[in-house]
């Protein structure tokens, strides 16, 4: 799966919880549950699995 595919898949999932402009902010903001890394950087460097895991936590009611 390409980085572009990962971005699209994550954006679609996040639309259940955030507005489109909020998703872009979230992707570019360092996240404490990603050791201060930005989700967009992780996706671009081929490490989307941790971002997917974080997004999946939303389904369980976790606040991310």
C-alpha atoms as a PDB file:
ATOM      1  CA  UNK A   1       0.000   0.000   0.000  1.00  0.00           C
ATOM      2  CA  UNK A   2       1.351   3.426  -0.890  1.00  0.00           C
ATOM      3  CA  UNK A   3       1.587   6.382   1.470  1.00  0.00           C
ATOM      4  CA  UNK A   4      -1.189   8.057  -0.517  1.00  0.00           C
ATOM      5  CA  UNK A   5      -3.411   5.006   0.024  1.00  0.00           C
ATOM      6  CA  UNK A   6      -2.613   5.093   3.751  1.00  0.00           C
ATOM      7  CA  UNK A   7      -3.500   8.794   3.943  1.00  0.00           C
ATOM      8  CA  UNK A   8      -6.812   8.231   2.194  1.00  0.00           C
ATOM      9  CA  UNK A   9      -7.722   5.256   4.355  1.00  0.00           C
ATOM     10  CA  UNK A  10      -6.878   7.121   7.560  1.00  0.00           C
ATOM     11  CA  UNK A  11      -8.735  10.246   6.433  1.00  0.00           C
ATOM     12  CA  UNK A  12     -11.863   8.207   5.661  1.00  0.00           C
ATOM     13  CA  UNK A  13     -11.767   6.604   9.083  1.00  0.00           C
ATOM     14  CA  UNK A  14     -11.120   9.901  10.867  1.00  0.00           C
ATOM     15  CA  UNK A  15     -14.128  11.520   9.136  1.00  0.00           C
ATOM     16  CA  UNK A  16     -16.246   9.506  11.562  1.00  0.00           C
ATOM     17  CA  UNK A  17     -14.779  11.590  14.396  1.00  0.00           C
ATOM     18  CA  UNK A  18     -13.360  14.862  13.054  1.00  0.00           C
ATOM     19  CA  UNK A  19     -14.093  17.484  10.424  1.00  0.00           C
ATOM     20  CA  UNK A  20     -11.924  17.430   7.306  1.00  0.00           C
ATOM     21  CA  UNK A  21      -9.816  20.448   8.337  1.00  0.00           C
ATOM     22  CA  UNK A  22      -9.324  18.961  11.814  1.00  0.00           C
ATOM     23  CA  UNK A  23      -7.978  15.763  10.280  1.00  0.00           C
ATOM     24  CA  UNK A  24      -5.288  17.691   8.410  1.00  0.00           C
ATOM     25  CA  UNK A  25      -4.297  19.443  11.638  1.00  0.00           C
ATOM     26  CA  UNK A  26      -4.236  16.115  13.492  1.00  0.00           C
ATOM     27  CA  UNK A  27      -2.031  14.543  10.826  1.00  0.00           C
ATOM     28  CA  UNK A  28       0.521  17.392  11.101  1.00  0.00           C
ATOM     29  CA  UNK A  29       0.612  17.665  14.904  1.00  0.00           C
ATOM     30  CA  UNK A  30       3.125  15.723  17.021  1.00  0.00           C
ATOM     31  CA  UNK A  31       1.215  13.140  19.037  1.00  0.00           C
ATOM     32  CA  UNK A  32       2.209  11.935  22.521  1.00  0.00           C
ATOM     33  CA  UNK A  33       1.011   8.375  21.822  1.00  0.00           C
ATOM     34  CA  UNK A  34       3.375   8.305  18.843  1.00  0.00           C
ATOM     35  CA  UNK A  35       6.354   9.395  20.962  1.00  0.00           C
ATOM     36  CA  UNK A  36       5.922  12.996  19.800  1.00  0.00           C
ATOM     37  CA  UNK A  37       6.088  12.087  16.131  1.00  0.00           C
ATOM     38  CA  UNK A  38       3.673  13.490  13.563  1.00  0.00           C
ATOM     39  CA  UNK A  39       1.289  10.979  11.956  1.00  0.00           C
ATOM     40  CA  UNK A  40       1.980  12.424   8.487  1.00  0.00           C
ATOM     41  CA  UNK A  41       5.731  11.864   8.878  1.00  0.00           C
ATOM     42  CA  UNK A  42       5.220   8.296   9.989  1.00  0.00           C
ATOM     43  CA  UNK A  43       2.954   7.572   7.028  1.00  0.00           C
ATOM     44  CA  UNK A  44       5.384   9.183   4.586  1.00  0.00           C
ATOM     45  CA  UNK A  45       8.234   7.074   5.970  1.00  0.00           C
ATOM     46  CA  UNK A  46       6.333   3.806   5.575  1.00  0.00           C
ATOM     47  CA  UNK A  47       5.405   3.384   9.243  1.00  0.00           C
ATOM     48  CA  UNK A  48       1.636   3.786   9.002  1.00  0.00           C
ATOM     49  CA  UNK A  49       0.925   0.733  11.163  1.00  0.00           C
ATOM     50  CA  UNK A  50       1.305   2.714  14.406  1.00  0.00           C
ATOM     51  CA  UNK A  51      -0.979   5.430  13.045  1.00  0.00           C
ATOM     52  CA  UNK A  52      -3.582   2.813  12.098  1.00  0.00           C
ATOM     53  CA  UNK A  53      -3.364   1.356  15.602  1.00  0.00           C
ATOM     54  CA  UNK A  54      -3.902   4.797  17.103  1.00  0.00           C
ATOM     55  CA  UNK A  55      -6.903   5.499  14.865  1.00  0.00           C
ATOM     56  CA  UNK A  56      -8.345   2.077  15.701  1.00  0.00           C
ATOM     57  CA  UNK A  57      -8.383   3.114  19.360  1.00  0.00           C
ATOM     58  CA  UNK A  58     -11.150   5.574  18.499  1.00  0.00           C
ATOM     59  CA  UNK A  59     -13.499   2.650  17.920  1.00  0.00           C
ATOM     60  CA  UNK A  60     -12.978   1.597  21.521  1.00  0.00           C
ATOM     61  CA  UNK A  61     -13.860   5.060  22.790  1.00  0.00           C
ATOM     62  CA  UNK A  62     -10.324   6.225  23.517  1.00  0.00           C
ATOM     63  CA  UNK A  63      -9.487   9.904  23.203  1.00  0.00           C
ATOM     64  CA  UNK A  64      -6.595  10.506  20.838  1.00  0.00           C
END
